[in-house]
Each structure stands twice: as C-alpha cells, then as structure tokens.
Amino acid sequence: MTKRNLIIVIILLSVIDLVAAGWYMSRRIETGDKGESLFGGRDSTEVITEADTVVSTSEPDVFDKLQHNTYYYIANSPSVSGDKSSSYTSIKHVKVKWPLKVNGNDALESLNKALISRAFGNSQSQMKDGRYVYLNTPSFNKPMGDDYHSLTKAPVIVPVYGNVSQVLVYPYMTSNRLLVMEIDKVEYNGHATIEDAYFIHYDRASHRVLSRIDILSADISNENKLLKLINKKIDNLNSGRGDSNRLQHALNVPAELCCGKNGIIFQFRQGSISSGPVEVQVNYDDMKPFLTNSFAQLLENNDDYQVFKDDIKPEPVNPSRQQSAAASLSAPVPEKKQSATGSSYGKGYQKKSGKYNGNYYKKSRYHRNGYYKKSRNNGYSNGSNGGQQQSVKQGYKTRKHYSGAKRKAGRYGHSGKRRWSHRRR
C-alpha cells in the first residue's frame, strides 16, 4: 500500500468515527438522556443527590445569649413652633439570638451574610457591624437630613410624629438537616403598625443557605397549580370565619415561606389577602409535586425536629409611658385623702386607676397573638427594679397628670397584634 492510499484510509476511518459519534449523541437526546454516560459512569447530579442523603452525626447548635440594643433620636426643632410634642422622634430596637456554631461548624460566613442582609439591610460581614449600621440610622416619618440628635432615654411617641422600628432575629426550628432562622420586623410609622416575617433556611449537612429556588421548582405550570392549592387551603380557612373576616384569594404565590415540621408555611403580607398578615400552611404530602428533587431528598432523610419556644417579643411603642403607668399601679394609695368629687385621691383615684387598668390589660392580654403580655409588677423597664421604684415615687406625686397620660398611653401604647407567636405553641 502506498503512502497516499494509507492517508486516504485514515481520513475515511476518521469520518466514519465522527458520523457514528453524532448518531449516538442524537439518539441520547431523543430518549431524554436516560441512558448511561458515554464512559459508563454515573451522572454528576446523581452523585450529588446521593451524597445529600448521607447524614453524618448531628451536633447541637450553639446560639449567643439574647442581646437587646436600643437607640433614641429626636429632631432638633419641632414641626409646629412652640409645640414640643410635634418633634419627630425615632426609636430603633434590635433583639438577636445569633447562631455561633451549627452542627459543630463555627465558620458561618454564608449564614451570617444572609441574616445580616435580610435583618439589617446592609452587607457587613459581622453581626455587630451590621447591627451598628442599622441602629445608627434613625427612621423618621419624614426626611430629616442631619437635623437631629440622639437621646439617652426614650422619647414619648406621638402619632404622626413618632416612629418605632424593631428587628428580631432568633432560631425558629432545627432538625438533623435543617436550621430555620426567623427575622421579625415591626414598625410603627405614626399611623399604623406594619409586621413582616422572614426566614433563612440553612442546610446543616452541606453548610449552605437554601434559597427559594432550592426548595420550590421554578416551573411556571407548577406555580399556577400551587396557587390553586393555596387558594383551596384559603377556602378551608374561610369555612371557619365570619363574612366580615373572610380571606381573599391569593393572586400569586408569596415569595416568603417557612419550612416547618409538617409543611411549608406561606407568608402573606398585610393587605394582600387580609387587612393583617396571614399564614397559610400546606402539608408536605400535598407539596411533593412542587418541591425540587434535592429538597425532597433532604426531607426524606430528616428527623428530630425541634421548634424553639423562646419568648422573644417586640417592645411597646411608648416604653416611658408604660413604665409610669405600671409604676403608678403599684404605688400606695392614701385611704383618708379624698376630695368632694372623689376623683383626685384615695378611693376616688383608685377607682379611676382601676378603670384604666381594665382598659390597659384588656388591650395587652393578647394570649394568642399579642406581644405585650406583661405582669402588673414587671413594668416595662427591662426588669430594672430601681427604675420602677423611681417611677412609683413620681407617679404618686402627680396623680392627676398621669391619670390623663395613662389613658393616652393606653390608646397609643400598642403597636398591633403579633401573629407569629402561635407557631411556638
């Protein structure tokens, strides 16, 4: 065979190999790529899924002690000349129970970043830095620029002019494979109270944050089917409600969700399907067609669910007035000093105070949804007996003044009902 003929044969064999390879790949595409790989190995996604099903020994998570930080601000001048009560004020609260170690791992960069971004709205890498940036930025009900200064004690929050913004970060649920952190945001904007709840899901085995698309498939057709399922659940909820309290049908699947022990809780914001925030839970059995394969595998290999029962609550809107009101309740009442009208001292004052007590504790006894369930002797001074004793003395000397202030505080001293507390029961 000549050299020329040998080259021609080699070229023809190469062409035949290319044609055969193209035919083989086209057949795999037509069959949905269900066969084995070209080299007889397993698909990489299969290996990853199998690895996710292996659960190593689970170690208890470690959290920092509850920390509470508060900053106070007030405008340099009132909005109405001569009326100090028209000064714009801002109170910012932060309560955190931060994760220090998850399943034996203290390198929590991704979890810290997700929590800081959602809770404080900044990109700091450390919780203390993110919290400081949030607290150091007052939230006034109108733009103030730099025309304000900080205070050492709480200002009186007046409707229209007062703002109270709060952020609470704490663990909601943990299991062998999943840690769910809850972030509650409560804001009184001078007119109404706005409540929002957010959740960060963390895979304790792979040590990564799970986004929404890691939990629910992104198929548009599935989205429409899921919306119908949620509205069916809403119809079931409406069967136990009156006509004036009925929930509207959802127009879309809410972006915020919480993966609990028995199902996924969808968070509807205020005004979406009701005047207040609403949670609709869909059981995992009904959610199977809408879950991603990886998250379905996680659920199948998950157990030891634990819901945290920490009693972490927002602060009252008017802490200074609440302290004075609670202190005056425990002040000794003279028995013999009583005016002719019976409304200034002694039994007359006690009667008025009792009337106020009824109104006050009627508003604060939200056993199911409220967050001001306090005992009469605790007050609202963060457990400081010295502060309570000082308020008692002041309230005793100025009974007439505080009888009026207490009624006002009873009206404006609450920032709404808390709807997330029932999950811990």
Protein backbone atom coordinates (compact mmCIF):
# COMPACT_ATOMS: atom_id res chain seq x y z
CA MET A 1 0.00 0.00 0.00
CA THR A 2 1.36 3.33 -0.99
CA LYS A 3 1.71 6.22 1.39
CA ARG A 4 -1.05 8.11 -0.40
CA ASN A 5 -3.55 5.27 -0.04
CA LEU A 6 -2.72 4.95 3.68
CA ILE A 7 -3.55 8.59 4.27
CA ILE A 8 -6.86 8.21 2.43
CA VAL A 9 -7.83 5.20 4.59
CA ILE A 10 -7.03 7.09 7.80
CA ILE A 11 -9.20 10.04 6.70
CA LEU A 12 -12.11 7.76 5.82
CA LEU A 13 -11.94 6.00 9.21
CA SER A 14 -11.93 9.36 10.99
CA VAL A 15 -15.03 10.48 9.08
CA ILE A 16 -16.81 7.20 9.95
CA ASP A 17 -15.97 7.69 13.65
CA LEU A 18 -17.36 11.24 13.63
CA VAL A 19 -20.59 10.13 11.95
CA ALA A 20 -21.04 7.29 14.46
CA ALA A 21 -20.45 9.63 17.39
CA GLY A 22 -23.02 12.13 16.03
CA TRP A 23 -25.62 9.41 15.56
CA TYR A 24 -25.06 8.14 19.11
CA MET A 25 -25.48 11.62 20.65
CA SER A 26 -28.67 12.29 18.66
CA ARG A 27 -30.17 9.03 19.93
CA ARG A 28 -29.41 10.03 23.54
CA ILE A 29 -31.12 13.38 23.07
CA GLU A 30 -34.21 11.75 21.56
CA THR A 31 -34.54 9.36 24.50
CA GLY A 32 -34.26 12.18 27.06
CA ASP A 33 -30.68 11.36 28.07
CA LYS A 34 -31.85 8.50 30.27
CA GLY A 35 -29.08 6.13 29.36
CA GLU A 36 -25.71 5.74 30.98
CA SER A 37 -22.94 8.20 30.30
CA LEU A 38 -20.56 7.75 27.39
CA PHE A 39 -17.89 6.29 29.61
CA GLY A 40 -20.14 4.10 31.72
CA GLY A 41 -20.05 6.40 34.79
CA ARG A 42 -22.96 7.90 36.76
CA ASP A 43 -24.30 11.38 36.15
CA SER A 44 -22.73 14.00 38.43
CA THR A 45 -26.13 15.20 39.70
CA GLU A 46 -26.91 11.64 40.77
CA VAL A 47 -23.71 11.54 42.79
CA ILE A 48 -24.53 14.88 44.45
CA THR A 49 -28.07 13.76 45.29
CA GLU A 50 -26.78 10.52 46.80
CA ALA A 51 -24.24 12.44 48.86
CA ASP A 52 -27.00 14.68 50.23
CA THR A 53 -28.87 11.65 51.53
CA VAL A 54 -25.98 10.67 53.78
CA VAL A 55 -26.49 12.34 57.16
CA SER A 56 -23.48 12.47 59.42
CA THR A 57 -23.68 12.67 63.20
CA SER A 58 -25.63 15.78 64.14
CA GLU A 59 -24.26 18.05 66.86
CA PRO A 60 -26.40 20.54 68.80
CA ASP A 61 -26.38 24.11 67.52
CA VAL A 62 -24.97 26.85 69.74
CA PHE A 63 -26.53 30.32 69.95
CA ASP A 64 -25.42 33.50 71.65
CA LYS A 65 -27.37 34.91 74.59
CA LEU A 66 -30.26 37.21 73.75
CA GLN A 67 -28.98 40.75 73.15
CA HIS A 68 -31.18 43.86 73.17
CA ASN A 69 -29.90 47.21 71.86
CA THR A 70 -31.90 50.43 71.59
CA TYR A 71 -31.12 53.87 70.11
CA TYR A 72 -33.23 57.03 70.56
CA TYR A 73 -33.37 60.06 68.24
CA ILE A 74 -35.28 63.34 68.07
CA ALA A 75 -35.39 66.23 65.60
CA ASN A 76 -33.57 69.40 66.62
CA SER A 77 -36.71 71.52 66.35
CA PRO A 78 -40.45 70.78 66.46
CA SER A 79 -42.56 70.83 63.32
CA VAL A 80 -45.05 73.22 64.94
CA SER A 81 -43.35 76.17 66.58
CA GLY A 82 -43.77 76.08 70.35
CA ASP A 83 -45.23 72.55 70.40
CA LYS A 84 -42.57 70.12 71.60
CA SER A 85 -44.87 67.16 71.05
CA SER A 86 -44.64 67.82 67.29
CA SER A 87 -40.94 66.94 67.20
CA TYR A 88 -40.23 63.93 65.01
CA THR A 89 -38.79 61.03 67.01
CA SER A 90 -37.28 57.66 66.20
CA ILE A 91 -36.70 54.60 68.36
CA LYS A 92 -34.81 51.62 66.97
CA HIS A 93 -34.76 48.24 68.74
CA VAL A 94 -32.70 45.18 67.85
CA LYS A 95 -33.05 41.83 69.61
CA VAL A 96 -30.85 39.00 68.40
CA LYS A 97 -30.12 35.44 69.42
CA TRP A 98 -27.35 34.81 66.91
CA PRO A 99 -26.02 31.39 65.83
CA LEU A 100 -22.42 30.77 66.91
CA LYS A 101 -21.98 27.15 65.83
CA VAL A 102 -24.19 24.99 63.59
CA ASN A 103 -23.71 21.22 63.61
CA GLY A 104 -20.21 21.61 65.01
CA ASN A 105 -19.16 24.24 62.46
CA ASP A 106 -18.37 27.82 63.53
CA ALA A 107 -17.45 29.05 60.04
CA LEU A 108 -20.85 30.51 59.17
CA GLU A 109 -19.97 33.14 56.57
CA SER A 110 -22.87 32.40 54.23
CA LEU A 111 -25.42 32.20 57.07
CA ASN A 112 -24.16 35.42 58.67
CA LYS A 113 -24.27 37.23 55.35
CA ALA A 114 -27.84 36.12 54.65
CA LEU A 115 -29.04 37.07 58.15
CA ILE A 116 -27.34 40.48 58.13
CA SER A 117 -28.63 41.34 54.67
CA ARG A 118 -32.23 40.40 55.47
CA ALA A 119 -32.33 41.76 59.01
CA PHE A 120 -30.32 44.98 58.77
CA GLY A 121 -30.34 45.70 55.05
CA ASN A 122 -26.57 46.07 54.67
CA SER A 123 -23.63 43.98 53.52
CA GLN A 124 -21.47 43.92 56.64
CA SER A 125 -19.68 40.65 57.34
CA GLN A 126 -20.04 40.73 61.15
CA MET A 127 -23.31 40.88 63.08
CA LYS A 128 -22.12 43.65 65.40
CA ASP A 129 -21.13 45.84 62.46
CA GLY A 130 -24.40 45.23 60.63
CA ARG A 131 -26.41 45.96 63.76
CA TYR A 132 -24.48 49.17 64.44
CA VAL A 133 -25.10 50.48 60.91
CA TYR A 134 -28.82 49.78 61.32
CA LEU A 135 -29.13 51.30 64.79
CA ASN A 136 -27.07 54.33 63.84
CA THR A 137 -29.51 55.24 61.05
CA PRO A 138 -32.74 56.71 62.53
CA SER A 139 -36.08 56.12 60.80
CA PHE A 140 -38.11 59.33 60.85
CA ASN A 141 -41.56 59.62 59.31
CA LYS A 142 -40.24 62.41 57.04
CA PRO A 143 -36.76 63.17 55.66
CA MET A 144 -34.71 64.96 58.31
CA GLY A 145 -31.23 65.03 56.82
CA ASP A 146 -28.78 65.72 59.66
CA ASP A 147 -31.19 67.90 61.63
CA TYR A 148 -31.49 65.56 64.62
CA HIS A 149 -29.61 64.35 67.69
CA SER A 150 -29.55 61.22 69.85
CA LEU A 151 -31.11 60.84 73.28
CA THR A 152 -30.18 58.87 76.37
CA LYS A 153 -33.74 57.87 77.25
CA ALA A 154 -36.88 57.04 75.31
CA PRO A 155 -38.89 59.97 73.93
CA VAL A 156 -42.68 59.96 74.02
CA ILE A 157 -44.00 58.54 70.77
CA VAL A 158 -46.82 60.72 69.42
CA PRO A 159 -48.99 59.71 66.45
CA VAL A 160 -47.85 61.14 63.11
CA TYR A 161 -44.50 62.29 64.56
CA GLY A 162 -43.22 59.12 66.26
CA ASN A 163 -41.57 56.11 64.64
CA VAL A 164 -40.58 52.82 66.31
CA SER A 165 -38.66 50.30 64.17
CA GLN A 166 -37.73 46.88 65.52
CA VAL A 167 -35.78 43.88 64.25
CA LEU A 168 -35.82 40.50 66.00
CA VAL A 169 -33.54 37.64 64.91
CA TYR A 170 -33.78 34.21 66.54
CA PRO A 171 -33.94 30.48 65.73
CA TYR A 172 -37.37 29.13 64.85
CA MET A 173 -36.77 25.43 64.16
CA THR A 174 -33.96 22.92 63.84
CA SER A 175 -33.65 19.29 62.76
CA ASN A 176 -30.94 16.91 61.61
CA ARG A 177 -30.72 18.58 58.22
CA LEU A 178 -32.33 21.99 58.56
CA LEU A 179 -31.96 25.14 60.67
CA VAL A 180 -34.61 27.83 60.17
CA MET A 181 -33.85 31.32 61.47
CA GLU A 182 -36.71 33.81 61.81
CA ILE A 183 -36.44 37.57 61.30
CA ASP A 184 -39.37 39.68 62.51
CA LYS A 185 -39.66 43.33 61.54
CA VAL A 186 -42.21 45.53 63.30
CA GLU A 187 -42.58 49.22 62.52
CA TYR A 188 -44.96 51.80 63.94
CA ASN A 189 -44.90 54.64 61.38
CA GLY A 190 -47.03 57.16 63.24
CA HIS A 191 -50.28 55.88 61.76
CA ALA A 192 -50.26 52.08 61.79
CA THR A 193 -48.13 49.07 62.67
CA ILE A 194 -46.55 47.05 59.87
CA GLU A 195 -45.38 43.50 60.58
CA ASP A 196 -43.22 41.27 58.39
CA ALA A 197 -41.62 37.90 58.97
CA TYR A 198 -38.71 36.46 57.00
CA PHE A 199 -36.98 33.09 57.19
CA ILE A 200 -33.48 31.89 56.41
CA HIS A 201 -33.13 28.15 55.71
CA TYR A 202 -29.73 26.58 56.32
CA ASP A 203 -28.71 23.04 55.34
CA ARG A 204 -26.86 21.77 58.40
CA ALA A 205 -25.22 18.89 56.48
CA SER A 206 -23.84 20.78 53.47
CA HIS A 207 -23.49 24.07 55.40
CA ARG A 208 -25.15 26.31 52.85
CA VAL A 209 -28.11 28.67 52.74
CA LEU A 210 -31.11 27.41 50.80
CA SER A 211 -32.89 29.93 48.59
CA ARG A 212 -36.48 29.70 47.40
CA ILE A 213 -35.48 28.05 44.13
CA ASP A 214 -33.59 25.41 46.13
CA ILE A 215 -36.89 24.47 47.78
CA LEU A 216 -39.58 25.02 45.12
CA SER A 217 -39.21 24.17 41.45
CA ALA A 218 -39.22 27.12 39.07
CA ASP A 219 -41.70 25.59 36.61
CA ILE A 220 -44.37 28.14 35.62
CA SER A 221 -47.05 25.47 35.23
CA ASN A 222 -46.28 24.19 38.72
CA GLU A 223 -46.55 27.74 40.04
CA ASN A 224 -50.14 28.01 38.77
CA LYS A 225 -51.04 24.62 40.24
CA LEU A 226 -49.53 25.61 43.58
CA LEU A 227 -51.54 28.83 43.58
CA LYS A 228 -54.75 26.82 43.12
CA LEU A 229 -53.72 24.56 46.02
CA ILE A 230 -53.08 27.55 48.29
CA ASN A 231 -56.44 29.10 47.40
CA LYS A 232 -58.07 25.78 48.23
CA LYS A 233 -56.47 25.97 51.67
CA ILE A 234 -57.75 29.54 51.99
CA ASP A 235 -61.27 28.31 51.24
CA ASN A 236 -60.89 25.79 54.06
CA LEU A 237 -59.82 28.57 56.42
CA ASN A 238 -62.79 30.71 55.37
CA SER A 239 -65.20 27.96 56.36
CA GLY A 240 -64.44 28.74 59.99
CA ARG A 241 -64.56 32.53 59.61
CA GLY A 242 -67.38 35.02 59.55
CA ASP A 243 -68.31 37.02 56.47
CA SER A 244 -66.56 40.10 57.83
CA ASN A 245 -63.32 38.20 58.44
CA ARG A 246 -63.04 36.18 55.25
CA LEU A 247 -59.73 35.91 53.42
CA GLN A 248 -59.43 36.85 49.78
CA HIS A 249 -58.00 34.51 47.18
CA ALA A 250 -54.30 34.92 46.53
CA LEU A 251 -53.29 36.38 43.17
CA ASN A 252 -49.81 34.85 43.28
CA VAL A 253 -47.67 32.56 45.39
CA PRO A 254 -45.96 34.67 48.09
CA ALA A 255 -42.19 34.98 47.91
CA GLU A 256 -41.68 34.39 51.63
CA LEU A 257 -42.09 30.90 53.04
CA CYS A 258 -41.14 28.90 56.12
CA CYS A 259 -40.37 25.17 56.05
CA GLY A 260 -41.80 23.78 59.27
CA LYS A 261 -42.10 20.30 60.67
CA ASN A 262 -45.33 19.32 58.90
CA GLY A 263 -45.39 21.54 55.85
CA ILE A 264 -44.50 24.81 54.17
CA ILE A 265 -45.99 27.99 55.64
CA PHE A 266 -46.61 30.71 53.06
CA GLN A 267 -46.40 34.25 54.43
CA PHE A 268 -48.96 36.73 53.09
CA ARG A 269 -48.19 40.36 53.91
CA GLN A 270 -50.67 42.86 55.27
CA GLY A 271 -53.25 43.89 52.71
CA SER A 272 -52.58 41.01 50.30
CA ILE A 273 -55.43 38.67 51.24
CA SER A 274 -56.50 40.34 54.50
CA SER A 275 -56.04 43.57 56.42
CA GLY A 276 -53.37 41.85 58.52
CA PRO A 277 -50.58 39.36 57.80
CA VAL A 278 -51.76 35.80 57.22
CA GLU A 279 -50.00 32.42 57.17
CA VAL A 280 -51.26 29.51 55.07
CA GLN A 281 -49.70 26.10 55.65
CA VAL A 282 -49.65 23.37 53.00
CA ASN A 283 -48.64 19.89 54.18
CA TYR A 284 -45.55 18.25 52.70
CA ASP A 285 -47.65 15.42 51.24
CA ASP A 286 -49.51 17.96 49.10
CA MET A 287 -46.30 19.83 48.30
CA LYS A 288 -44.41 16.86 46.79
CA PRO A 289 -45.13 17.77 43.13
CA PHE A 290 -43.76 21.28 43.68
CA LEU A 291 -40.53 20.52 45.56
CA THR A 292 -37.12 20.29 43.94
CA ASN A 293 -35.54 16.83 43.87
CA SER A 294 -32.75 17.88 46.22
CA PHE A 295 -35.11 19.30 48.84
CA ALA A 296 -37.40 16.27 48.59
CA GLN A 297 -34.34 14.10 49.29
CA LEU A 298 -33.49 16.31 52.27
CA LEU A 299 -36.97 15.84 53.75
CA GLU A 300 -36.85 12.06 53.29
CA ASN A 301 -33.62 11.90 55.30
CA ASN A 302 -34.60 14.36 58.02
CA ASP A 303 -35.89 13.89 61.55
CA ASP A 304 -35.50 15.13 65.15
CA TYR A 305 -37.50 18.32 64.56
CA GLN A 306 -37.41 20.87 67.36
CA VAL A 307 -39.31 24.16 67.45
CA PHE A 308 -37.73 26.77 69.70
CA LYS A 309 -40.01 28.30 72.33
CA ASP A 310 -38.04 31.41 73.24
CA ASP A 311 -40.39 34.17 74.30
CA ILE A 312 -38.83 36.93 72.19
CA LYS A 313 -41.25 39.83 71.75
CA PRO A 314 -41.16 43.36 70.35
CA GLU A 315 -41.02 46.27 72.75
CA PRO A 316 -44.03 48.53 73.43
CA VAL A 317 -44.29 51.69 71.37
CA ASN A 318 -44.20 54.01 74.39
CA PRO A 319 -41.89 52.42 76.98
CA SER A 320 -41.67 55.58 79.13
CA ARG A 321 -45.44 55.85 79.46
CA GLN A 322 -45.80 52.14 80.07
CA GLN A 323 -43.28 52.37 82.89
CA SER A 324 -45.12 55.27 84.50
CA ALA A 325 -48.47 53.52 84.13
CA ALA A 326 -47.21 50.24 85.58
CA ALA A 327 -45.43 52.03 88.41
CA SER A 328 -48.47 54.06 89.41
CA LEU A 329 -50.47 50.85 89.68
CA SER A 330 -48.16 49.57 92.43
CA ALA A 331 -47.98 52.91 94.31
CA PRO A 332 -49.60 53.01 97.81
CA VAL A 333 -52.92 54.84 97.83
CA PRO A 334 -53.87 57.01 100.85
CA GLU A 335 -57.15 55.93 102.40
CA LYS A 336 -58.34 59.14 104.03
CA LYS A 337 -57.45 61.84 101.48
CA GLN A 338 -60.49 62.10 99.26
CA SER A 339 -61.86 65.16 97.55
CA ALA A 340 -65.51 66.07 97.43
CA THR A 341 -65.81 64.79 93.91
CA GLY A 342 -63.98 61.57 94.77
CA SER A 343 -61.72 61.80 91.72
CA SER A 344 -58.35 63.10 92.96
CA TYR A 345 -57.05 60.96 95.80
CA GLY A 346 -57.82 57.89 97.85
CA LYS A 347 -60.62 55.66 96.72
CA GLY A 348 -61.70 58.06 94.03
CA TYR A 349 -58.30 57.90 92.34
CA GLN A 350 -58.13 54.17 92.84
CA LYS A 351 -61.42 53.81 91.05
CA LYS A 352 -60.21 55.79 88.07
CA SER A 353 -56.97 53.84 88.05
CA GLY A 354 -58.94 50.61 88.18
CA LYS A 355 -60.93 51.68 85.15
CA TYR A 356 -57.71 52.40 83.35
CA ASN A 357 -56.31 49.07 84.45
CA GLY A 358 -59.19 47.28 82.84
CA ASN A 359 -58.69 49.06 79.53
CA TYR A 360 -54.95 48.67 79.64
CA TYR A 361 -54.79 44.98 80.40
CA LYS A 362 -57.68 44.24 78.11
CA LYS A 363 -55.54 45.55 75.28
CA SER A 364 -52.38 43.83 76.48
CA ARG A 365 -53.81 40.37 77.15
CA TYR A 366 -53.46 39.01 73.62
CA HIS A 367 -52.80 35.48 74.77
CA ARG A 368 -52.83 34.13 71.21
CA ASN A 369 -51.38 36.91 69.11
CA GLY A 370 -50.30 39.78 71.37
CA TYR A 371 -46.84 40.79 72.42
CA TYR A 372 -47.43 42.93 75.46
CA LYS A 373 -48.48 40.22 77.88
CA LYS A 374 -46.74 41.58 80.98
CA SER A 375 -47.41 41.07 84.66
CA ARG A 376 -48.52 44.04 86.74
CA ASN A 377 -45.35 44.07 88.81
CA ASN A 378 -42.84 43.73 86.00
CA GLY A 379 -43.48 47.00 84.24
CA TYR A 380 -41.58 47.83 81.05
CA SER A 381 -38.16 48.87 82.35
CA ASN A 382 -36.25 45.78 81.21
CA GLY A 383 -36.51 44.20 84.63
CA SER A 384 -34.87 47.09 86.49
CA ASN A 385 -36.40 47.44 89.94
CA GLY A 386 -34.62 50.70 90.54
CA GLY A 387 -36.31 52.29 87.55
CA GLN A 388 -39.69 51.06 88.71
CA GLN A 389 -39.20 52.44 92.21
CA GLN A 390 -38.31 55.84 90.82
CA SER A 391 -41.41 55.82 88.66
CA VAL A 392 -43.55 54.91 91.66
CA LYS A 393 -42.43 57.98 93.53
CA GLN A 394 -43.03 60.23 90.58
CA GLY A 395 -46.43 58.74 89.83
CA TYR A 396 -47.54 59.15 93.46
CA LYS A 397 -46.81 62.88 93.49
CA THR A 398 -48.52 63.61 90.20
CA ARG A 399 -51.64 61.51 90.17
CA LYS A 400 -53.83 63.92 88.21
CA HIS A 401 -51.26 64.30 85.49
CA TYR A 402 -50.70 60.58 84.98
CA SER A 403 -54.38 59.72 85.01
CA GLY A 404 -54.66 61.63 81.75
CA ALA A 405 -51.38 60.39 80.36
CA LYS A 406 -52.25 56.80 81.09
CA ARG A 407 -55.43 56.94 79.05
CA LYS A 408 -53.48 58.36 76.17
CA ALA A 409 -50.77 55.76 76.55
CA GLY A 410 -53.39 53.06 76.66
CA ARG A 411 -54.56 54.24 73.28
CA TYR A 412 -51.27 54.74 71.53
CA GLY A 413 -49.02 52.45 73.52
CA HIS A 414 -49.56 49.33 71.43
CA SER A 415 -48.21 48.62 68.00
CA GLY A 416 -50.54 45.84 66.92
CA LYS A 417 -51.12 42.15 67.31
CA ARG A 418 -48.39 39.65 66.84
CA ARG A 419 -49.45 36.85 64.61
CA TRP A 420 -46.35 34.70 64.60
CA SER A 421 -46.37 33.64 68.28
CA HIS A 422 -48.84 30.81 67.75
CA ARG A 423 -46.25 28.78 65.89
CA ARG A 424 -44.36 28.14 69.11
CA ARG A 425 -47.30 26.52 70.82
